[in-house]
Amino acid sequence: MEILVYLSALILGFFVSGYMAVGFETGVELTYPETEFNSSGVLNSVSQTTGGLFTLLFTYILEITNDFWTNICMVVLLVIGTILTAFTKNVRKRQDALQQHKSVTENKAAKY
C-alpha cells in the first residue's frame, strides 16, 4: 500500500510541474503590460502560502476525523480548481501586442 502512495506522489509531481509552466504563461498573458517578474512572483508566493495553509488545514482535519474525509476535502478543492481553470478566458494580450508590433515594423520596412 505504501508503494502506491509514493507512486501517486511521483506521478502527481511529474504532471504538476508542467501545469505550473502553463500557469505562469497564463498569468503573464492576463497581467500584460506588467512584467513577467511581477506575475511570476505573485504566483510563486501565493502557491507557497496556500500550500502551507492547506497543509495546516488538512492536518487539522486529519486529526479530528480520519483520512477518508481529509481526502474528500482535497478532492473537493481539486474539483473547484479544475472548474475555475476551465472557465478562465483565453486572453492573449502580450501575444496580440507582439503581433501588432511586428505588423507595424513590417509595414515600415516595406515602405523603404
Protein backbone atom coordinates (compact mmCIF):
# COMPACT_ATOMS: atom_id res chain seq x y z
CA MET A 1 0.00 0.00 0.00
CA GLU A 2 2.84 2.37 0.80
CA ILE A 3 4.29 1.96 -2.69
CA LEU A 4 1.02 3.27 -4.16
CA VAL A 5 1.36 6.46 -2.14
CA TYR A 6 4.89 7.01 -3.44
CA LEU A 7 3.87 6.16 -6.99
CA SER A 8 0.91 8.55 -6.95
CA ALA A 9 3.11 11.33 -5.49
CA LEU A 10 5.66 10.73 -8.25
CA ILE A 11 3.04 10.88 -11.00
CA LEU A 12 1.37 13.95 -9.50
CA GLY A 13 4.70 15.78 -9.17
CA PHE A 14 5.60 14.97 -12.75
CA PHE A 15 2.39 16.39 -14.20
CA VAL A 16 2.08 19.37 -11.82
CA SER A 17 5.44 20.75 -12.92
CA GLY A 18 4.15 21.06 -16.50
CA TYR A 19 0.92 22.59 -15.29
CA MET A 20 2.84 25.26 -13.37
CA ALA A 21 4.64 26.39 -16.53
CA VAL A 22 1.29 26.82 -18.26
CA GLY A 23 0.01 28.70 -15.21
CA PHE A 24 2.95 31.09 -15.33
CA GLU A 25 2.39 31.78 -19.02
CA THR A 26 -1.32 32.35 -18.43
CA GLY A 27 -0.51 34.71 -15.57
CA VAL A 28 1.86 36.69 -17.77
CA GLU A 29 -0.77 36.93 -20.52
CA LEU A 30 -3.50 38.03 -18.11
CA THR A 31 -1.36 40.70 -16.44
CA TYR A 32 0.29 42.18 -19.55
CA PRO A 33 1.70 45.05 -19.63
CA GLU A 34 3.08 44.21 -16.18
CA THR A 35 6.43 42.45 -16.29
CA GLU A 36 6.78 38.68 -16.10
CA PHE A 37 8.64 39.03 -12.82
CA ASN A 38 5.64 40.55 -11.05
CA SER A 39 3.12 37.93 -12.12
CA SER A 40 5.54 35.03 -11.57
CA GLY A 41 6.48 36.36 -8.14
CA VAL A 42 2.86 36.71 -7.10
CA LEU A 43 2.05 33.21 -8.38
CA ASN A 44 5.02 31.72 -6.52
CA SER A 45 4.22 33.47 -3.25
CA VAL A 46 0.52 32.59 -3.42
CA SER A 47 1.26 28.94 -4.20
CA GLN A 48 3.73 28.69 -1.31
CA THR A 49 1.33 30.38 1.10
CA THR A 50 -1.68 28.30 0.11
CA GLY A 51 0.43 25.14 0.23
CA GLY A 52 1.38 25.89 3.82
CA LEU A 53 -2.18 26.80 4.79
CA PHE A 54 -3.59 23.68 3.14
CA THR A 55 -1.02 21.55 4.97
CA LEU A 56 -2.15 23.02 8.28
CA LEU A 57 -5.84 22.69 7.35
CA PHE A 58 -5.59 19.08 6.21
CA THR A 59 -3.51 18.15 9.23
CA TYR A 60 -6.24 19.57 11.45
CA ILE A 61 -8.97 17.75 9.51
CA LEU A 62 -6.95 14.53 9.73
CA GLU A 63 -6.61 14.90 13.50
CA ILE A 64 -10.33 15.47 14.14
CA THR A 65 -11.66 12.98 11.55
CA ASN A 66 -9.95 10.29 9.50
CA ASP A 67 -8.08 10.05 6.22
CA PHE A 68 -11.27 9.45 4.20
CA TRP A 69 -12.72 12.90 4.97
CA THR A 70 -9.33 14.56 4.52
CA ASN A 71 -9.06 13.08 1.03
CA ILE A 72 -12.66 14.10 0.26
CA CYS A 73 -11.79 17.71 1.19
CA MET A 74 -8.74 17.57 -1.09
CA VAL A 75 -10.80 16.21 -3.96
CA VAL A 76 -13.41 18.94 -3.50
CA LEU A 77 -10.69 21.61 -3.69
CA LEU A 78 -9.21 19.96 -6.79
CA VAL A 79 -12.63 19.93 -8.47
CA ILE A 80 -13.13 23.61 -7.62
CA GLY A 81 -9.69 24.38 -9.08
CA THR A 82 -10.48 22.41 -12.22
CA ILE A 83 -13.75 24.28 -12.70
CA LEU A 84 -12.02 27.65 -12.21
CA THR A 85 -9.33 26.65 -14.70
CA ALA A 86 -11.92 25.56 -17.26
CA PHE A 87 -13.70 28.92 -17.06
CA THR A 88 -10.53 31.03 -17.37
CA LYS A 89 -10.70 33.03 -20.58
CA ASN A 90 -8.00 32.56 -23.18
CA VAL A 91 -6.57 36.07 -23.07
CA ARG A 92 -3.60 36.80 -25.33
CA LYS A 93 -2.74 40.43 -24.53
CA ARG A 94 1.02 40.01 -24.81
CA GLN A 95 0.89 37.92 -27.97
CA ASP A 96 -1.55 40.34 -29.61
CA ALA A 97 0.70 43.30 -28.75
CA LEU A 98 3.73 41.47 -30.15
CA GLN A 99 1.86 40.62 -33.35
CA GLN A 100 0.72 44.23 -33.73
CA HIS A 101 4.29 45.44 -33.21
CA LYS A 102 5.56 43.01 -35.85
CA SER A 103 2.99 44.16 -38.40
CA VAL A 104 3.84 47.84 -37.79
CA THR A 105 7.56 47.07 -38.14
CA GLU A 106 6.97 45.08 -41.34
CA ASN A 107 4.87 47.90 -42.80
CA LYS A 108 7.63 50.43 -42.07
CA ALA A 109 10.24 48.15 -43.63
CA ALA A 110 8.08 47.64 -46.73
CA LYS A 111 7.91 51.41 -47.30
CA TYR A 112 11.68 51.67 -47.66
